[in-house]
Amino acid sequence: MSAPETVDRVLLTASVVVLVIAGAGLLARIWRGPSMLDRAISLDVCAALIIAGLGAKSAVARDPFYFPIMLVLAFLGFTGSVGIARFIAVRDRPRKAVRDRLRTEGKPE
């Protein structure tokens, strides 16, 4: 094995180790929370880690087979994040009826 191939293998191995450590931290964040938004962001990061893992596997195998799969996963991760953000924004918005009732009772919102 030549020197550039050795450096290539060391860097790829280091990137896989970093991805595994990041995945362990990600699972801890999903488990602990504390809020739904933290868990949603963690799931988005999970999609990014899967894409990075597929990229590392593709680099090790020197095979471009996984590139379309990575593209689809990136699209799904983005749309999932937007959907979760919209759901949380709608859920956290105060209802008009509650605001109207508070105004008629003279209480501050």
N, C-alpha and C. Protein backbone atom coordinates (compact mmCIF):
# COMPACT_ATOMS: atom_id res chain seq x y z
N MET A 1 0.85 -1.17 0.00
CA MET A 1 0.00 0.00 0.00
C MET A 1 0.90 1.24 0.00
N SER A 2 0.56 2.19 -0.86
CA SER A 2 1.37 3.39 -0.96
C SER A 2 1.00 4.38 0.15
N ALA A 3 1.79 5.41 0.28
CA ALA A 3 1.57 6.40 1.33
C ALA A 3 0.23 7.12 1.16
N PRO A 4 -0.15 7.57 -0.06
CA PRO A 4 -1.46 8.23 -0.19
C PRO A 4 -2.62 7.30 0.15
N GLU A 5 -2.50 6.02 -0.18
CA GLU A 5 -3.57 5.07 0.17
C GLU A 5 -3.66 4.87 1.68
N THR A 6 -2.52 4.86 2.35
CA THR A 6 -2.52 4.72 3.80
C THR A 6 -3.17 5.94 4.46
N VAL A 7 -2.81 7.12 3.98
CA VAL A 7 -3.41 8.34 4.52
C VAL A 7 -4.91 8.34 4.27
N ASP A 8 -5.31 7.89 3.09
CA ASP A 8 -6.73 7.81 2.73
C ASP A 8 -7.47 6.87 3.69
N ARG A 9 -6.91 5.72 3.96
CA ARG A 9 -7.54 4.76 4.88
C ARG A 9 -7.63 5.31 6.30
N VAL A 10 -6.58 5.98 6.75
CA VAL A 10 -6.58 6.54 8.11
C VAL A 10 -7.65 7.62 8.23
N LEU A 11 -7.75 8.49 7.24
CA LEU A 11 -8.75 9.55 7.28
C LEU A 11 -10.16 8.99 7.21
N LEU A 12 -10.39 7.99 6.39
CA LEU A 12 -11.72 7.38 6.30
C LEU A 12 -12.08 6.67 7.61
N THR A 13 -11.11 5.99 8.20
CA THR A 13 -11.37 5.34 9.49
C THR A 13 -11.68 6.37 10.57
N ALA A 14 -10.93 7.46 10.58
CA ALA A 14 -11.19 8.52 11.56
C ALA A 14 -12.57 9.13 11.35
N SER A 15 -12.98 9.30 10.11
CA SER A 15 -14.30 9.88 9.85
C SER A 15 -15.42 8.94 10.32
N VAL A 16 -15.23 7.65 10.15
CA VAL A 16 -16.23 6.68 10.62
C VAL A 16 -16.29 6.69 12.14
N VAL A 17 -15.15 6.79 12.80
CA VAL A 17 -15.13 6.85 14.27
C VAL A 17 -15.85 8.11 14.76
N VAL A 18 -15.60 9.24 14.12
CA VAL A 18 -16.28 10.49 14.50
C VAL A 18 -17.79 10.36 14.27
N LEU A 19 -18.21 9.72 13.19
CA LEU A 19 -19.64 9.51 12.93
C LEU A 19 -20.28 8.63 13.99
N VAL A 20 -19.58 7.61 14.44
CA VAL A 20 -20.12 6.73 15.49
C VAL A 20 -20.25 7.49 16.81
N ILE A 21 -19.26 8.30 17.15
CA ILE A 21 -19.34 9.10 18.37
C ILE A 21 -20.49 10.10 18.29
N ALA A 22 -20.63 10.74 17.13
CA ALA A 22 -21.73 11.68 16.95
C ALA A 22 -23.08 10.97 17.03
N GLY A 23 -23.15 9.75 16.51
CA GLY A 23 -24.39 8.98 16.61
C GLY A 23 -24.74 8.63 18.05
N ALA A 24 -23.74 8.33 18.85
CA ALA A 24 -24.00 8.04 20.26
C ALA A 24 -24.50 9.28 20.99
N GLY A 25 -23.90 10.42 20.72
CA GLY A 25 -24.39 11.67 21.32
C GLY A 25 -25.78 12.01 20.84
N LEU A 26 -26.06 11.71 19.60
CA LEU A 26 -27.38 11.96 19.03
C LEU A 26 -28.45 11.11 19.71
N LEU A 27 -28.15 9.86 19.93
CA LEU A 27 -29.11 9.00 20.62
C LEU A 27 -29.37 9.47 22.04
N ALA A 28 -28.34 9.98 22.70
CA ALA A 28 -28.53 10.53 24.04
C ALA A 28 -29.44 11.75 24.00
N ARG A 29 -29.28 12.59 23.00
CA ARG A 29 -30.12 13.78 22.89
C ARG A 29 -31.57 13.41 22.57
N ILE A 30 -31.77 12.42 21.72
CA ILE A 30 -33.13 11.97 21.41
C ILE A 30 -33.77 11.38 22.67
N TRP A 31 -33.02 10.63 23.45
CA TRP A 31 -33.57 9.98 24.64
C TRP A 31 -33.91 11.00 25.73
N ARG A 32 -33.00 11.96 25.98
CA ARG A 32 -33.18 12.89 27.08
C ARG A 32 -34.10 14.06 26.75
N GLY A 33 -34.13 14.49 25.52
CA GLY A 33 -35.02 15.59 25.16
C GLY A 33 -34.39 16.93 25.42
N PRO A 34 -34.88 17.80 26.18
CA PRO A 34 -36.06 17.74 27.04
C PRO A 34 -37.35 18.14 26.31
N SER A 35 -37.24 18.79 25.16
CA SER A 35 -38.47 19.24 24.49
C SER A 35 -38.65 18.49 23.17
N MET A 36 -39.83 18.65 22.62
CA MET A 36 -40.13 18.02 21.34
C MET A 36 -39.26 18.61 20.23
N LEU A 37 -38.96 19.89 20.33
CA LEU A 37 -38.13 20.53 19.31
C LEU A 37 -36.71 19.96 19.34
N ASP A 38 -36.16 19.67 20.51
CA ASP A 38 -34.85 19.05 20.61
C ASP A 38 -34.84 17.69 19.92
N ARG A 39 -35.89 16.94 20.14
CA ARG A 39 -35.97 15.62 19.51
C ARG A 39 -36.12 15.73 18.00
N ALA A 40 -36.86 16.72 17.53
CA ALA A 40 -37.03 16.92 16.09
C ALA A 40 -35.71 17.30 15.43
N ILE A 41 -34.97 18.18 16.07
CA ILE A 41 -33.66 18.56 15.54
C ILE A 41 -32.72 17.36 15.55
N SER A 42 -32.80 16.55 16.58
CA SER A 42 -31.96 15.35 16.65
C SER A 42 -32.28 14.38 15.52
N LEU A 43 -33.54 14.25 15.19
CA LEU A 43 -33.88 13.36 14.07
C LEU A 43 -33.38 13.91 12.75
N ASP A 44 -33.35 15.23 12.61
CA ASP A 44 -32.79 15.83 11.40
C ASP A 44 -31.28 15.58 11.33
N VAL A 45 -30.62 15.69 12.45
CA VAL A 45 -29.18 15.41 12.50
C VAL A 45 -28.94 13.92 12.24
N CYS A 46 -29.86 13.07 12.67
CA CYS A 46 -29.75 11.64 12.40
C CYS A 46 -29.75 11.37 10.90
N ALA A 47 -30.61 12.06 10.17
CA ALA A 47 -30.62 11.91 8.71
C ALA A 47 -29.29 12.37 8.12
N ALA A 48 -28.74 13.46 8.64
CA ALA A 48 -27.45 13.94 8.15
C ALA A 48 -26.33 12.94 8.45
N LEU A 49 -26.39 12.31 9.62
CA LEU A 49 -25.37 11.30 9.96
C LEU A 49 -25.49 10.07 9.07
N ILE A 50 -26.70 9.68 8.75
CA ILE A 50 -26.88 8.54 7.85
C ILE A 50 -26.31 8.88 6.47
N ILE A 51 -26.57 10.09 6.00
CA ILE A 51 -26.02 10.51 4.71
C ILE A 51 -24.50 10.52 4.75
N ALA A 52 -23.92 11.04 5.85
CA ALA A 52 -22.47 11.07 5.97
C ALA A 52 -21.90 9.65 6.03
N GLY A 53 -22.59 8.75 6.73
CA GLY A 53 -22.14 7.35 6.78
C GLY A 53 -22.17 6.69 5.42
N LEU A 54 -23.23 6.95 4.66
CA LEU A 54 -23.29 6.41 3.30
C LEU A 54 -22.19 7.00 2.42
N GLY A 55 -21.88 8.27 2.64
CA GLY A 55 -20.78 8.88 1.89
C GLY A 55 -19.45 8.24 2.23
N ALA A 56 -19.23 7.95 3.52
CA ALA A 56 -17.99 7.28 3.92
C ALA A 56 -17.91 5.88 3.34
N LYS A 57 -19.05 5.17 3.36
CA LYS A 57 -19.06 3.83 2.78
C LYS A 57 -18.79 3.88 1.28
N SER A 58 -19.36 4.87 0.64
CA SER A 58 -19.13 5.03 -0.80
C SER A 58 -17.66 5.36 -1.08
N ALA A 59 -17.04 6.16 -0.21
CA ALA A 59 -15.63 6.50 -0.40
C ALA A 59 -14.73 5.30 -0.16
N VAL A 60 -15.07 4.47 0.83
CA VAL A 60 -14.27 3.27 1.11
C VAL A 60 -14.36 2.30 -0.05
N ALA A 61 -15.57 2.10 -0.55
CA ALA A 61 -15.77 1.15 -1.65
C ALA A 61 -15.42 1.74 -3.01
N ARG A 62 -15.22 3.06 -3.07
CA ARG A 62 -14.97 3.77 -4.32
C ARG A 62 -16.06 3.45 -5.35
N ASP A 63 -17.31 3.53 -4.86
CA ASP A 63 -18.47 3.19 -5.67
C ASP A 63 -19.51 4.31 -5.56
N PRO A 64 -19.94 4.90 -6.68
CA PRO A 64 -20.92 5.99 -6.61
C PRO A 64 -22.38 5.52 -6.49
N PHE A 65 -22.59 4.27 -6.14
CA PHE A 65 -23.95 3.70 -6.09
C PHE A 65 -24.83 4.43 -5.08
N TYR A 66 -24.27 4.88 -3.98
CA TYR A 66 -25.05 5.46 -2.89
C TYR A 66 -25.40 6.94 -3.08
N PHE A 67 -24.88 7.59 -4.10
CA PHE A 67 -25.13 9.02 -4.27
C PHE A 67 -26.61 9.34 -4.49
N PRO A 68 -27.35 8.63 -5.34
CA PRO A 68 -28.79 8.94 -5.46
C PRO A 68 -29.55 8.67 -4.15
N ILE A 69 -29.14 7.65 -3.42
CA ILE A 69 -29.80 7.35 -2.15
C ILE A 69 -29.54 8.49 -1.16
N MET A 70 -28.33 9.02 -1.15
CA MET A 70 -28.00 10.14 -0.28
C MET A 70 -28.82 11.37 -0.65
N LEU A 71 -29.03 11.59 -1.94
CA LEU A 71 -29.82 12.73 -2.39
C LEU A 71 -31.27 12.61 -1.94
N VAL A 72 -31.85 11.43 -2.06
CA VAL A 72 -33.23 11.21 -1.62
C VAL A 72 -33.35 11.37 -0.11
N LEU A 73 -32.39 10.85 0.63
CA LEU A 73 -32.42 11.01 2.09
C LEU A 73 -32.29 12.48 2.50
N ALA A 74 -31.49 13.23 1.78
CA ALA A 74 -31.36 14.66 2.09
C ALA A 74 -32.68 15.38 1.84
N PHE A 75 -33.35 15.04 0.77
CA PHE A 75 -34.65 15.66 0.48
C PHE A 75 -35.68 15.28 1.54
N LEU A 76 -35.72 14.01 1.91
CA LEU A 76 -36.68 13.57 2.93
C LEU A 76 -36.38 14.19 4.29
N GLY A 77 -35.11 14.31 4.63
CA GLY A 77 -34.74 14.95 5.89
C GLY A 77 -35.16 16.41 5.92
N PHE A 78 -34.99 17.10 4.81
CA PHE A 78 -35.38 18.51 4.75
C PHE A 78 -36.89 18.66 4.86
N THR A 79 -37.63 17.88 4.10
CA THR A 79 -39.09 18.01 4.14
C THR A 79 -39.64 17.57 5.50
N GLY A 80 -39.03 16.58 6.11
CA GLY A 80 -39.45 16.17 7.44
C GLY A 80 -39.22 17.25 8.47
N SER A 81 -38.08 17.93 8.38
CA SER A 81 -37.79 19.02 9.32
C SER A 81 -38.76 20.18 9.14
N VAL A 82 -39.07 20.52 7.90
CA VAL A 82 -40.02 21.60 7.65
C VAL A 82 -41.40 21.21 8.18
N GLY A 83 -41.81 19.97 7.96
CA GLY A 83 -43.11 19.52 8.46
C GLY A 83 -43.20 19.55 9.97
N ILE A 84 -42.15 19.11 10.64
CA ILE A 84 -42.14 19.12 12.10
C ILE A 84 -42.15 20.56 12.62
N ALA A 85 -41.39 21.44 11.97
CA ALA A 85 -41.36 22.84 12.40
C ALA A 85 -42.73 23.49 12.23
N ARG A 86 -43.41 23.19 11.14
CA ARG A 86 -44.76 23.75 10.94
C ARG A 86 -45.73 23.20 11.96
N PHE A 87 -45.62 21.92 12.26
CA PHE A 87 -46.51 21.31 13.27
C PHE A 87 -46.31 21.95 14.62
N ILE A 88 -45.06 22.16 15.02
CA ILE A 88 -44.77 22.76 16.32
C ILE A 88 -45.23 24.21 16.34
N ALA A 89 -45.06 24.93 15.22
CA ALA A 89 -45.49 26.33 15.17
C ALA A 89 -47.00 26.44 15.30
N VAL A 90 -47.74 25.56 14.66
CA VAL A 90 -49.21 25.59 14.75
C VAL A 90 -49.66 25.15 16.13
N ARG A 91 -49.00 24.17 16.70
CA ARG A 91 -49.39 23.66 18.01
C ARG A 91 -49.16 24.69 19.10
N ASP A 92 -48.07 25.47 18.99
CA ASP A 92 -47.74 26.43 20.03
C ASP A 92 -48.44 27.77 19.86
N ARG A 93 -49.14 27.98 18.76
CA ARG A 93 -49.84 29.24 18.54
C ARG A 93 -51.08 29.30 19.44
N PRO A 94 -51.28 30.41 20.15
CA PRO A 94 -52.45 30.49 21.01
C PRO A 94 -53.73 30.54 20.17
N ARG A 95 -54.76 29.95 20.69
CA ARG A 95 -56.02 29.90 19.97
C ARG A 95 -56.76 31.22 20.10
N LYS A 96 -57.49 31.56 19.05
CA LYS A 96 -58.23 32.81 19.02
C LYS A 96 -59.32 32.84 20.08
N ALA A 97 -59.99 31.72 20.30
CA ALA A 97 -61.07 31.68 21.28
C ALA A 97 -60.55 31.93 22.69
N VAL A 98 -59.41 31.39 23.00
CA VAL A 98 -58.84 31.60 24.34
C VAL A 98 -58.47 33.07 24.51
N ARG A 99 -57.89 33.68 23.50
CA ARG A 99 -57.55 35.10 23.58
C ARG A 99 -58.79 35.96 23.74
N ASP A 100 -59.83 35.65 22.98
CA ASP A 100 -61.06 36.44 23.07
C ASP A 100 -61.68 36.32 24.46
N ARG A 101 -61.69 35.11 25.03
CA ARG A 101 -62.26 34.92 26.36
C ARG A 101 -61.47 35.68 27.42
N LEU A 102 -60.17 35.66 27.29
CA LEU A 102 -59.35 36.40 28.24
C LEU A 102 -59.58 37.90 28.13
N ARG A 103 -59.80 38.39 26.94
CA ARG A 103 -60.06 39.82 26.76
C ARG A 103 -61.40 40.21 27.37
N THR A 104 -62.41 39.38 27.22
CA THR A 104 -63.73 39.72 27.78
C THR A 104 -63.73 39.65 29.29
N GLU A 105 -62.88 38.81 29.87
CA GLU A 105 -62.81 38.71 31.33
C GLU A 105 -61.91 39.77 31.94
N GLY A 106 -61.18 40.47 31.08
CA GLY A 106 -60.31 41.54 31.56
C GLY A 106 -58.99 41.08 32.11
N LYS A 107 -58.61 39.84 31.84
CA LYS A 107 -57.33 39.31 32.31
C LYS A 107 -56.26 39.58 31.26
N PRO A 108 -55.03 39.76 31.69
CA PRO A 108 -53.94 39.93 30.69
C PRO A 108 -53.68 38.61 29.99
N GLU A 109 -53.22 38.72 28.76
CA GLU A 109 -52.95 37.51 27.96
C GLU A 109 -51.75 36.87 28.47
